[in-house]
C-alpha atoms as a PDB file:
ATOM      1  CA  MET A   1      73.668  66.460 141.750  1.00  0.00           C
ATOM      2  CA  ASP A   2      71.986  68.224 144.457  1.00  0.00           C
ATOM      3  CA  PRO A   3      68.637  66.109 146.031  1.00  0.00           C
ATOM      4  CA  ASP A   4      66.473  68.279 144.417  1.00  0.00           C
ATOM      5  CA  GLU A   5      68.244  67.795 140.954  1.00  0.00           C
ATOM      6  CA  ASN A   6      68.012  64.222 141.586  1.00  0.00           C
ATOM      7  CA  ARG A   7      64.581  63.734 142.053  1.00  0.00           C
ATOM      8  CA  ARG A   8      63.565  66.345 139.151  1.00  0.00           C
ATOM      9  CA  GLY A   9      65.755  64.052 136.953  1.00  0.00           C
ATOM     10  CA  TRP A  10      63.339  60.550 138.185  1.00  0.00           C
ATOM     11  CA  ALA A  11      60.164  63.209 137.634  1.00  0.00           C
ATOM     12  CA  GLU A  12      60.627  63.846 134.642  1.00  0.00           C
ATOM     13  CA  ARG A  13      61.992  60.833 132.892  1.00  0.00           C
ATOM     14  CA  SER A  14      61.254  59.495 129.579  1.00  0.00           C
ATOM     15  CA  GLY A  15      62.780  57.080 127.239  1.00  0.00           C
ATOM     16  CA  ALA A  16      64.873  54.377 129.269  1.00  0.00           C
ATOM     17  CA  TYR A  17      63.898  53.414 132.951  1.00  0.00           C
ATOM     18  CA  SER A  18      60.610  55.760 132.250  1.00  0.00           C
ATOM     19  CA  PRO A  19      57.073  54.458 133.265  1.00  0.00           C
ATOM     20  CA  GLU A  20      56.907  53.247 129.758  1.00  0.00           C
ATOM     21  CA  TYR A  21      60.070  51.795 129.480  1.00  0.00           C
ATOM     22  CA  TYR A  22      59.035  49.210 132.766  1.00  0.00           C
ATOM     23  CA  ALA A  23      55.554  48.423 131.545  1.00  0.00           C
ATOM     24  CA  GLN A  24      56.956  47.509 128.184  1.00  0.00           C
ATOM     25  CA  LEU A  25      59.486  45.104 129.730  1.00  0.00           C
ATOM     26  CA  GLY A  26      56.401  44.022 132.266  1.00  0.00           C
ATOM     27  CA  PRO A  27      57.589  41.263 135.565  1.00  0.00           C
ATOM     28  CA  ASN A  28      60.720  40.283 135.912  1.00  0.00           C
ATOM     29  CA  GLU A  29      62.742  38.033 138.397  1.00  0.00           C
ATOM     30  CA  VAL A  30      62.488  40.262 141.130  1.00  0.00           C
ATOM     31  CA  SER A  31      58.907  40.280 140.279  1.00  0.00           C
ATOM     32  CA  GLU A  32      58.586  36.343 140.936  1.00  0.00           C
ATOM     33  CA  THR A  33      60.953  36.635 144.000  1.00  0.00           C
ATOM     34  CA  LEU A  34      59.023  39.470 145.597  1.00  0.00           C
ATOM     35  CA  ALA A  35      55.782  37.170 145.081  1.00  0.00           C
ATOM     36  CA  ALA A  36      57.604  34.328 146.763  1.00  0.00           C
ATOM     37  CA  VAL A  37      58.531  35.999 149.662  1.00  0.00           C
ATOM     38  CA  PHE A  38      55.108  37.328 150.137  1.00  0.00           C
ATOM     39  CA  ASP A  39      53.502  33.900 149.891  1.00  0.00           C
ATOM     40  CA  HIS A  40      55.818  32.777 152.862  1.00  0.00           C
ATOM     41  CA  TYR A  41      55.486  35.971 154.812  1.00  0.00           C
ATOM     42  CA  VAL A  42      52.096  37.983 154.388  1.00  0.00           C
ATOM     43  CA  ASP A  43      48.296  36.992 153.637  1.00  0.00           C
ATOM     44  CA  GLU A  44      46.580  38.170 150.767  1.00  0.00           C
ATOM     45  CA  ASP A  45      44.707  40.783 152.657  1.00  0.00           C
ATOM     46  CA  ALA A  46      47.856  42.536 153.671  1.00  0.00           C
ATOM     47  CA  ALA A  47      48.276  46.271 153.109  1.00  0.00           C
ATOM     48  CA  VAL A  48      50.770  46.606 150.676  1.00  0.00           C
ATOM     49  CA  LEU A  49      52.709  49.938 150.190  1.00  0.00           C
ATOM     50  CA  GLU A  50      55.360  50.303 146.914  1.00  0.00           C
ATOM     51  CA  LEU A  51      58.019  52.940 147.238  1.00  0.00           C
ATOM     52  CA  GLY A  52      58.836  54.323 143.457  1.00  0.00           C
ATOM     53  CA  CYS A  53      56.257  52.053 141.633  1.00  0.00           C
ATOM     54  CA  SER A  54      56.668  53.629 138.366  1.00  0.00           C
ATOM     55  CA  SER A  55      53.665  52.186 135.931  1.00  0.00           C
ATOM     56  CA  GLY A  56      53.469  48.818 138.323  1.00  0.00           C
ATOM     57  CA  ARG A  57      54.590  45.921 136.889  1.00  0.00           C
ATOM     58  CA  HIS A  58      55.539  44.466 140.479  1.00  0.00           C
ATOM     59  CA  LEU A  59      52.346  45.381 141.662  1.00  0.00           C
ATOM     60  CA  GLU A  60      50.811  43.839 138.776  1.00  0.00           C
ATOM     61  CA  ARG A  61      52.466  40.630 139.777  1.00  0.00           C
ATOM     62  CA  LEU A  62      51.405  40.872 143.434  1.00  0.00           C
ATOM     63  CA  ARG A  63      47.696  41.557 142.439  1.00  0.00           C
ATOM     64  CA  ARG A  64      47.730  38.793 139.803  1.00  0.00           C
ATOM     65  CA  ALA A  65      48.614  36.434 143.375  1.00  0.00           C
ATOM     66  CA  GLY A  66      45.395  37.918 144.999  1.00  0.00           C
ATOM     67  CA  TYR A  67      46.707  40.747 146.737  1.00  0.00           C
ATOM     68  CA  GLU A  68      44.279  43.572 146.232  1.00  0.00           C
ATOM     69  CA  ASP A  69      45.110  46.173 149.277  1.00  0.00           C
ATOM     70  CA  LEU A  70      47.873  47.445 147.138  1.00  0.00           C
ATOM     71  CA  THR A  71      49.241  51.075 147.318  1.00  0.00           C
ATOM     72  CA  GLY A  72      52.000  52.865 145.356  1.00  0.00           C
ATOM     73  CA  VAL A  73      53.925  56.117 145.294  1.00  0.00           C
ATOM     74  CA  ASP A  74      56.152  57.670 142.220  1.00  0.00           C
ATOM     75  CA  LEU A  75      57.955  60.714 141.680  1.00  0.00           C
ATOM     76  CA  ASN A  76      56.918  60.623 137.950  1.00  0.00           C
ATOM     77  CA  ASP A  77      53.172  61.434 137.235  1.00  0.00           C
ATOM     78  CA  GLU A  78      53.437  59.771 133.811  1.00  0.00           C
ATOM     79  CA  SER A  79      53.581  56.609 135.979  1.00  0.00           C
ATOM     80  CA  PHE A  80      49.872  56.319 136.850  1.00  0.00           C
ATOM     81  CA  ALA A  81      48.309  57.222 133.077  1.00  0.00           C
ATOM     82  CA  VAL A  82      50.602  54.236 131.872  1.00  0.00           C
ATOM     83  CA  MET A  83      49.697  51.741 134.204  1.00  0.00           C
ATOM     84  CA  ALA A  84      46.132  52.618 133.542  1.00  0.00           C
ATOM     85  CA  ASP A  85      46.890  51.718 129.584  1.00  0.00           C
ATOM     86  CA  HIS A  86      49.056  48.387 130.533  1.00  0.00           C
ATOM     87  CA  TYR A  87      47.445  47.422 133.711  1.00  0.00           C
ATOM     88  CA  PRO A  88      44.003  49.024 133.932  1.00  0.00           C
ATOM     89  CA  ARG A  89      42.878  45.958 136.831  1.00  0.00           C
ATOM     90  CA  LEU A  90      45.671  47.192 138.747  1.00  0.00           C
ATOM     91  CA  ALA A  91      44.834  51.011 138.218  1.00  0.00           C
ATOM     92  CA  ASP A  92      41.336  50.305 139.129  1.00  0.00           C
ATOM     93  CA  VAL A  93      42.001  47.968 142.197  1.00  0.00           C
ATOM     94  CA  GLY A  94      44.990  50.008 143.907  1.00  0.00           C
ATOM     95  CA  THR A  95      45.604  53.551 145.402  1.00  0.00           C
ATOM     96  CA  PHE A  96      48.512  56.044 143.843  1.00  0.00           C
ATOM     97  CA  HIS A  97      50.106  58.699 144.715  1.00  0.00           C
ATOM     98  CA  THR A  98      52.970  61.102 143.136  1.00  0.00           C
ATOM     99  CA  ALA A  99      55.740  62.551 145.203  1.00  0.00           C
ATOM    100  CA  PRO A 100      58.519  62.277 146.235  1.00  0.00           C
ATOM    101  CA  LEU A 101      59.295  59.822 149.459  1.00  0.00           C
ATOM    102  CA  GLU A 102      60.907  62.519 151.693  1.00  0.00           C
ATOM    103  CA  GLU A 103      57.371  64.265 151.581  1.00  0.00           C
ATOM    104  CA  PHE A 104      54.716  61.456 150.947  1.00  0.00           C
ATOM    105  CA  LEU A 105      56.079  59.159 153.848  1.00  0.00           C
ATOM    106  CA  PRO A 106      56.035  61.726 156.854  1.00  0.00           C
ATOM    107  CA  GLU A 107      52.247  62.476 156.092  1.00  0.00           C
ATOM    108  CA  LEU A 108      51.671  58.479 156.850  1.00  0.00           C
ATOM    109  CA  ASP A 109      50.666  57.174 160.089  1.00  0.00           C
ATOM    110  CA  ASP A 110      52.801  54.805 162.173  1.00  0.00           C
ATOM    111  CA  GLY A 111      52.471  51.375 160.769  1.00  0.00           C
ATOM    112  CA  ALA A 112      50.101  52.677 157.959  1.00  0.00           C
ATOM    113  CA  PHE A 113      51.019  49.512 155.747  1.00  0.00           C
ATOM    114  CA  ASP A 114      51.636  45.398 156.981  1.00  0.00           C
ATOM    115  CA  ILE A 115      54.776  45.602 154.075  1.00  0.00           C
ATOM    116  CA  VAL A 116      56.820  47.972 152.152  1.00  0.00           C
ATOM    117  CA  TYR A 117      58.834  47.266 149.597  1.00  0.00           C
ATOM    118  CA  SER A 118      61.228  49.373 146.864  1.00  0.00           C
ATOM    119  CA  VAL A 119      62.380  47.973 143.780  1.00  0.00           C
ATOM    120  CA  GLU A 120      66.002  49.529 142.877  1.00  0.00           C
ATOM    121  CA  THR A 121      64.384  52.887 144.267  1.00  0.00           C
ATOM    122  CA  LEU A 122      66.179  53.312 147.648  1.00  0.00           C
ATOM    123  CA  GLN A 123      69.614  53.119 146.127  1.00  0.00           C
ATOM    124  CA  HIS A 124      68.956  56.575 144.149  1.00  0.00           C
ATOM    125  CA  VAL A 125      67.703  58.071 147.446  1.00  0.00           C
ATOM    126  CA  HIS A 126      70.488  61.274 148.085  1.00  0.00           C
ATOM    127  CA  PRO A 127      72.718  61.312 151.269  1.00  0.00           C
ATOM    128  CA  ASP A 128      71.312  64.317 152.309  1.00  0.00           C
ATOM    129  CA  ASP A 129      67.674  62.631 151.930  1.00  0.00           C
ATOM    130  CA  SER A 130      68.747  59.486 154.220  1.00  0.00           C
ATOM    131  CA  GLU A 131      65.872  60.191 156.914  1.00  0.00           C
ATOM    132  CA  VAL A 132      63.652  58.348 154.598  1.00  0.00           C
ATOM    133  CA  PHE A 133      65.022  55.110 155.596  1.00  0.00           C
ATOM    134  CA  GLU A 134      64.073  55.269 159.104  1.00  0.00           C
ATOM    135  CA  GLU A 135      60.493  56.733 157.620  1.00  0.00           C
ATOM    136  CA  CYS A 136      60.234  53.120 155.673  1.00  0.00           C
ATOM    137  CA  LEU A 137      60.333  51.456 159.209  1.00  0.00           C
ATOM    138  CA  ARG A 138      58.020  53.670 160.671  1.00  0.00           C
ATOM    139  CA  VAL A 139      55.091  53.566 158.691  1.00  0.00           C
ATOM    140  CA  THR A 140      55.241  49.637 158.124  1.00  0.00           C
ATOM    141  CA  SER A 141      53.808  47.311 161.194  1.00  0.00           C
ATOM    142  CA  ASP A 142      55.737  44.312 160.318  1.00  0.00           C
ATOM    143  CA  LEU A 143      57.727  43.893 157.205  1.00  0.00           C
ATOM    144  CA  LEU A 144      60.162  45.694 154.685  1.00  0.00           C
ATOM    145  CA  VAL A 145      61.630  44.437 151.553  1.00  0.00           C
ATOM    146  CA  THR A 146      64.405  45.547 149.527  1.00  0.00           C
ATOM    147  CA  ALA A 147      65.437  44.431 146.446  1.00  0.00           C
ATOM    148  CA  GLU A 148      68.408  46.607 145.300  1.00  0.00           C
ATOM    149  CA  ASN A 149      71.770  46.567 143.385  1.00  0.00           C
ATOM    150  CA  GLU A 150      74.505  45.301 145.802  1.00  0.00           C
ATOM    151  CA  GLY A 151      77.211  44.879 143.223  1.00  0.00           C
ATOM    152  CA  ASN A 152      75.027  41.856 141.615  1.00  0.00           C
ATOM    153  CA  SER A 153      76.042  44.234 138.613  1.00  0.00           C
ATOM    154  CA  PRO A 154      79.797  43.782 137.169  1.00  0.00           C
ATOM    155  CA  ARG A 155      80.106  47.319 136.814  1.00  0.00           C
ATOM    156  CA  ARG A 156      78.264  48.726 140.209  1.00  0.00           C
ATOM    157  CA  GLY A 157      79.076  48.273 143.621  1.00  0.00           C
ATOM    158  CA  ARG A 158      82.849  47.428 143.473  1.00  0.00           C
ATOM    159  CA  ASP A 159      85.881  48.690 144.270  1.00  0.00           C
ATOM    160  CA  ASP A 160      84.769  50.166 147.499  1.00  0.00           C
ATOM    161  CA  HIS A 161      82.923  52.962 145.539  1.00  0.00           C
ATOM    162  CA  GLU A 162      80.109  54.957 147.345  1.00  0.00           C
ATOM    163  CA  VAL A 163      78.036  56.131 143.987  1.00  0.00           C
ATOM    164  CA  SER A 164      77.961  55.073 140.336  1.00  0.00           C
ATOM    165  CA  ARG A 165      76.445  56.538 137.294  1.00  0.00           C
ATOM    166  CA  VAL A 166      73.779  54.761 135.476  1.00  0.00           C
ATOM    167  CA  ASP A 167      74.305  55.054 131.897  1.00  0.00           C
ATOM    168  CA  ASP A 168      76.563  58.473 132.946  1.00  0.00           C
ATOM    169  CA  GLU A 169      73.341  60.106 133.779  1.00  0.00           C
ATOM    170  CA  PHE A 170      71.608  59.438 137.149  1.00  0.00           C
ATOM    171  CA  PRO A 171      73.431  58.212 140.503  1.00  0.00           C
ATOM    172  CA  LEU A 172      73.427  55.088 142.077  1.00  0.00           C
ATOM    173  CA  PHE A 173      74.269  55.130 145.805  1.00  0.00           C
ATOM    174  CA  HIS A 174      75.988  52.085 147.130  1.00  0.00           C
ATOM    175  CA  ARG A 175      74.755  51.118 150.511  1.00  0.00           C
ATOM    176  CA  ASP A 176      74.887  48.194 152.968  1.00  0.00           C
ATOM    177  CA  TRP A 177      71.207  47.625 153.023  1.00  0.00           C
ATOM    178  CA  LYS A 178      71.502  45.272 156.145  1.00  0.00           C
ATOM    179  CA  ALA A 179      73.631  47.694 158.090  1.00  0.00           C
ATOM    180  CA  VAL A 180      71.476  50.749 157.165  1.00  0.00           C
ATOM    181  CA  PHE A 181      68.446  49.038 158.559  1.00  0.00           C
ATOM    182  CA  SER A 182      69.487  46.824 160.989  1.00  0.00           C
ATOM    183  CA  SER A 183      71.433  50.063 162.448  1.00  0.00           C
ATOM    184  CA  LEU A 184      67.608  51.397 162.423  1.00  0.00           C
ATOM    185  CA  GLY A 185      66.546  48.886 164.840  1.00  0.00           C
ATOM    186  CA  ALA A 186      65.068  45.941 162.202  1.00  0.00           C
ATOM    187  CA  ALA A 187      65.617  42.096 162.195  1.00  0.00           C
ATOM    188  CA  HIS A 188      67.380  41.125 159.014  1.00  0.00           C
ATOM    189  CA  LEU A 189      65.210  37.833 157.844  1.00  0.00           C
ATOM    190  CA  LEU A 190      66.575  37.140 154.823  1.00  0.00           C
ATOM    191  CA  ARG A 191      69.051  37.716 151.804  1.00  0.00           C
ATOM    192  CA  GLU A 192      67.909  36.418 148.683  1.00  0.00           C
ATOM    193  CA  PRO A 193      70.150  37.280 145.511  1.00  0.00           C
ATOM    194  CA  THR A 194      68.656  37.645 142.251  1.00  0.00           C
ATOM    195  CA  LYS A 195      70.994  38.412 138.721  1.00  0.00           C
ATOM    196  CA  ARG A 196      70.319  42.154 139.004  1.00  0.00           C
ATOM    197  CA  ASP A 197      69.767  42.711 142.810  1.00  0.00           C
ATOM    198  CA  THR A 198      69.553  41.614 146.190  1.00  0.00           C
ATOM    199  CA  VAL A 199      66.278  41.315 147.681  1.00  0.00           C
ATOM    200  CA  ARG A 200      65.866  41.112 151.449  1.00  0.00           C
ATOM    201  CA  VAL A 201      63.107  41.092 153.969  1.00  0.00           C
ATOM    202  CA  PHE A 202      63.339  43.079 157.531  1.00  0.00           C
ATOM    203  CA  ARG A 203      60.970  42.635 160.394  1.00  0.00           C
ATOM    204  CA  SER A 204      60.448  46.501 162.286  1.00  0.00           C
ATOM    205  CA  VAL A 205      60.568  45.784 165.655  1.00  0.00           C
END
């Protein structure tokens, strides 16, 4: 699967792992962990960006915690219609963009957000688009938070496989996220495993 095909698969996604699918699931354990991380590290007036926000279940949890300067970007343009149905207050208070990360992030100013985070999004970035990781750090003035699969699930990230396929469809690229962002100069502050993902906090330096 080349980068364009990879992006197209997410932009046109319906059914499982679609914006409606995640809206129906609602906030989860990772949402709660993110809320706790935010409470510890940043103030409620922090400018927040979620990469791959889909219909906004994690942003909705942050909104309920008092955060209002919320921005999200997603490939699937159905995301924000679904958000308006399921999380109308989030849709009203936030700022949202339909775009691939590879195009969206380079358009932002350095340090445009206080905190940037991703939940199971960076793990789907094609190796040919790995400059996205440097862009993630460039656009945060303080923190980058990743919640990605690092072998927490029994069938993923094991046996030194660099890539696996979710439901025999789209690829999940297995990376050492501590190594990825440390190599780009970020300071690794926290590792918090959840049942599905590992949450890591990095400081842009």
